[in-house]
Amino acid sequence: MSKHPIRLLTLVCLLLAILMSVGGAVGAAQVTPQDVTPAGPNWLISTAVTHNCALRPYGGVECWGSEGTERSVDVYGSYSQVYHTQVDVGSNNSCALRTTGEIDCWGDNDFGQLNYPNGVFLQVSVGLNHGCALKPDGDVHCW
């Protein structure tokens, strides 16, 4: 087996690292981390590439991150009589499971991410452009 592919990959990685460091030195946009996390207590958190959500002790969900703002406060539930037991974050959307077992989702719907099913579920999980939920009988429903 030849070592050339490994040497080529090493060279590519090295060049990429150099270009990235030079880009930063010549004025590429630098992101300064900011503390935008919600004050505690929080029961559960879920994070993705562009945003995060926390399940609050009173059942509300607070999310922060992208969608054009630094922080999106009380995206769902905290100001209503809707209580949640779980939250999960996808690429550009989020879903939460109500105490009744129903699902709430919000965010982008470019690929039908908000076309979640009706019914009672035990768990919800959100991916890149889809979601899945576990029914009490063990069946899984994805959208």
Protein backbone atom coordinates (compact mmCIF):
# COMPACT_ATOMS: atom_id res chain seq x y z
CA MET A 1 0.00 0.00 0.00
CA SER A 2 1.40 3.37 -1.01
CA LYS A 3 1.82 6.22 1.49
CA HIS A 4 1.08 8.86 -1.14
CA PRO A 5 -2.63 9.26 -0.31
CA ILE A 6 -1.73 9.82 3.35
CA ARG A 7 0.97 12.35 2.42
CA LEU A 8 -1.48 14.15 0.14
CA LEU A 9 -4.11 14.28 2.89
CA THR A 10 -1.52 15.58 5.35
CA LEU A 11 -0.48 18.27 2.87
CA VAL A 12 -4.09 19.30 2.26
CA CYS A 13 -4.75 19.55 6.01
CA LEU A 14 -1.59 21.57 6.53
CA LEU A 15 -2.47 23.98 3.72
CA LEU A 16 -6.01 24.37 5.06
CA ALA A 17 -4.66 25.18 8.53
CA ILE A 18 -2.29 27.78 7.07
CA LEU A 19 -5.03 29.39 4.99
CA MET A 20 -7.37 29.54 7.97
CA SER A 21 -4.74 31.19 10.16
CA VAL A 22 -3.79 33.68 7.44
CA GLY A 23 -7.46 34.47 6.82
CA GLY A 24 -7.85 35.38 10.47
CA ALA A 25 -4.78 37.59 10.32
CA VAL A 26 -5.95 39.60 7.31
CA GLY A 27 -9.33 40.60 8.69
CA ALA A 28 -11.64 37.63 8.28
CA ALA A 29 -14.74 37.95 10.44
CA GLN A 30 -14.04 36.91 14.00
CA VAL A 31 -16.83 35.69 16.24
CA THR A 32 -16.60 36.76 19.85
CA PRO A 33 -18.33 34.33 22.18
CA GLN A 34 -21.04 35.94 24.28
CA ASP A 35 -22.73 34.60 27.36
CA VAL A 36 -26.35 34.35 26.26
CA THR A 37 -27.32 31.28 28.22
CA PRO A 38 -30.52 31.47 30.25
CA ALA A 39 -30.25 31.85 33.99
CA GLY A 40 -30.89 28.60 35.84
CA PRO A 41 -32.28 26.44 37.03
CA ASN A 42 -32.73 24.30 33.93
CA TRP A 43 -33.78 20.66 33.89
CA LEU A 44 -32.56 19.58 30.48
CA ILE A 45 -30.67 21.15 27.58
CA SER A 46 -30.32 20.29 23.92
CA THR A 47 -27.82 21.87 21.55
CA ALA A 48 -27.19 21.94 17.81
CA VAL A 49 -24.99 23.87 15.41
CA THR A 50 -26.94 27.13 15.40
CA HIS A 51 -29.09 27.20 18.52
CA ASN A 52 -29.80 25.68 21.90
CA CYS A 53 -32.85 25.06 24.06
CA ALA A 54 -33.37 24.45 27.75
CA LEU A 55 -36.34 22.89 29.49
CA ARG A 56 -37.22 25.03 32.49
CA PRO A 57 -38.52 23.60 35.80
CA TYR A 58 -41.99 25.05 35.14
CA GLY A 59 -42.21 23.18 31.80
CA GLY A 60 -41.41 26.12 29.55
CA VAL A 61 -38.77 25.97 26.85
CA GLU A 62 -36.22 28.73 26.39
CA CYS A 63 -34.07 28.80 23.26
CA TRP A 64 -31.15 30.96 22.22
CA GLY A 65 -28.85 31.15 19.24
CA SER A 66 -29.39 32.00 15.59
CA GLU A 67 -32.44 32.81 13.49
CA GLY A 68 -31.09 36.31 13.00
CA THR A 69 -30.80 37.24 16.67
CA GLU A 70 -28.26 36.68 19.40
CA ARG A 71 -30.87 35.32 21.73
CA SER A 72 -34.38 34.10 21.31
CA VAL A 73 -36.00 34.06 24.74
CA ASP A 74 -39.00 31.96 25.70
CA VAL A 75 -39.50 30.61 22.21
CA TYR A 76 -42.22 28.26 23.35
CA GLY A 77 -44.14 27.42 26.45
CA SER A 78 -42.89 29.67 29.20
CA TYR A 79 -45.58 32.29 28.72
CA SER A 80 -48.45 29.88 28.14
CA GLN A 81 -50.22 27.08 29.95
CA VAL A 82 -48.33 24.50 27.87
CA TYR A 83 -45.95 22.38 29.89
CA HIS A 84 -43.23 20.19 28.40
CA THR A 85 -41.23 17.21 29.61
CA GLN A 86 -38.60 17.09 26.86
CA VAL A 87 -36.99 19.32 24.23
CA ASP A 88 -34.74 18.41 21.31
CA VAL A 89 -32.90 20.67 18.87
CA GLY A 90 -32.31 20.02 15.18
CA SER A 91 -30.37 21.97 12.60
CA ASN A 92 -32.83 24.85 12.20
CA ASN A 93 -35.84 23.69 14.15
CA SER A 94 -36.75 22.35 17.57
CA CYS A 95 -39.45 20.13 19.04
CA ALA A 96 -40.75 19.64 22.55
CA LEU A 97 -42.95 16.96 24.09
CA ARG A 98 -45.91 18.20 26.12
CA THR A 99 -46.88 16.58 29.40
CA THR A 100 -49.91 15.25 27.49
CA GLY A 101 -47.60 13.45 25.04
CA GLU A 102 -48.37 15.79 22.15
CA ILE A 103 -45.55 17.34 20.10
CA ASP A 104 -44.82 21.02 19.48
CA CYS A 105 -42.25 22.04 16.84
CA TRP A 106 -41.04 25.44 15.64
CA GLY A 107 -38.38 26.86 13.32
CA ASP A 108 -37.64 26.21 9.65
CA ASN A 109 -40.00 24.09 7.59
CA ASP A 110 -38.00 23.85 4.35
CA PHE A 111 -38.14 20.05 4.39
CA GLY A 112 -41.38 19.49 6.33
CA GLN A 113 -39.73 19.64 9.76
CA LEU A 114 -42.89 21.20 11.20
CA ASN A 115 -45.22 18.56 9.74
CA TYR A 116 -45.10 16.61 12.99
CA PRO A 117 -47.77 13.99 13.71
CA ASN A 118 -50.76 14.29 15.99
CA GLY A 119 -51.19 11.81 18.80
CA VAL A 120 -49.53 10.74 22.02
CA PHE A 121 -45.81 10.07 22.12
CA LEU A 122 -43.22 9.15 24.75
CA GLN A 123 -40.18 10.78 23.17
CA VAL A 124 -39.27 13.14 20.32
CA SER A 125 -35.92 13.44 18.55
CA VAL A 126 -35.00 16.01 15.90
CA GLY A 127 -32.26 15.65 13.28
CA LEU A 128 -30.86 17.73 10.45
CA ASN A 129 -34.08 18.09 8.44
CA HIS A 130 -36.40 15.58 10.05
CA GLY A 131 -37.84 14.38 13.32
CA CYS A 132 -38.94 11.08 14.85
CA ALA A 133 -41.17 10.29 17.79
CA LEU A 134 -41.70 7.14 19.84
CA LYS A 135 -45.30 6.03 20.41
CA PRO A 136 -46.43 4.21 23.58
CA ASP A 137 -46.84 0.95 21.62
CA GLY A 138 -43.16 1.10 20.56
CA ASP A 139 -43.78 2.24 16.99
CA VAL A 140 -41.69 5.11 15.65
CA HIS A 141 -43.17 7.82 13.47
CA CYS A 142 -40.77 10.01 11.44
CA TRP A 143 -41.44 13.08 9.32
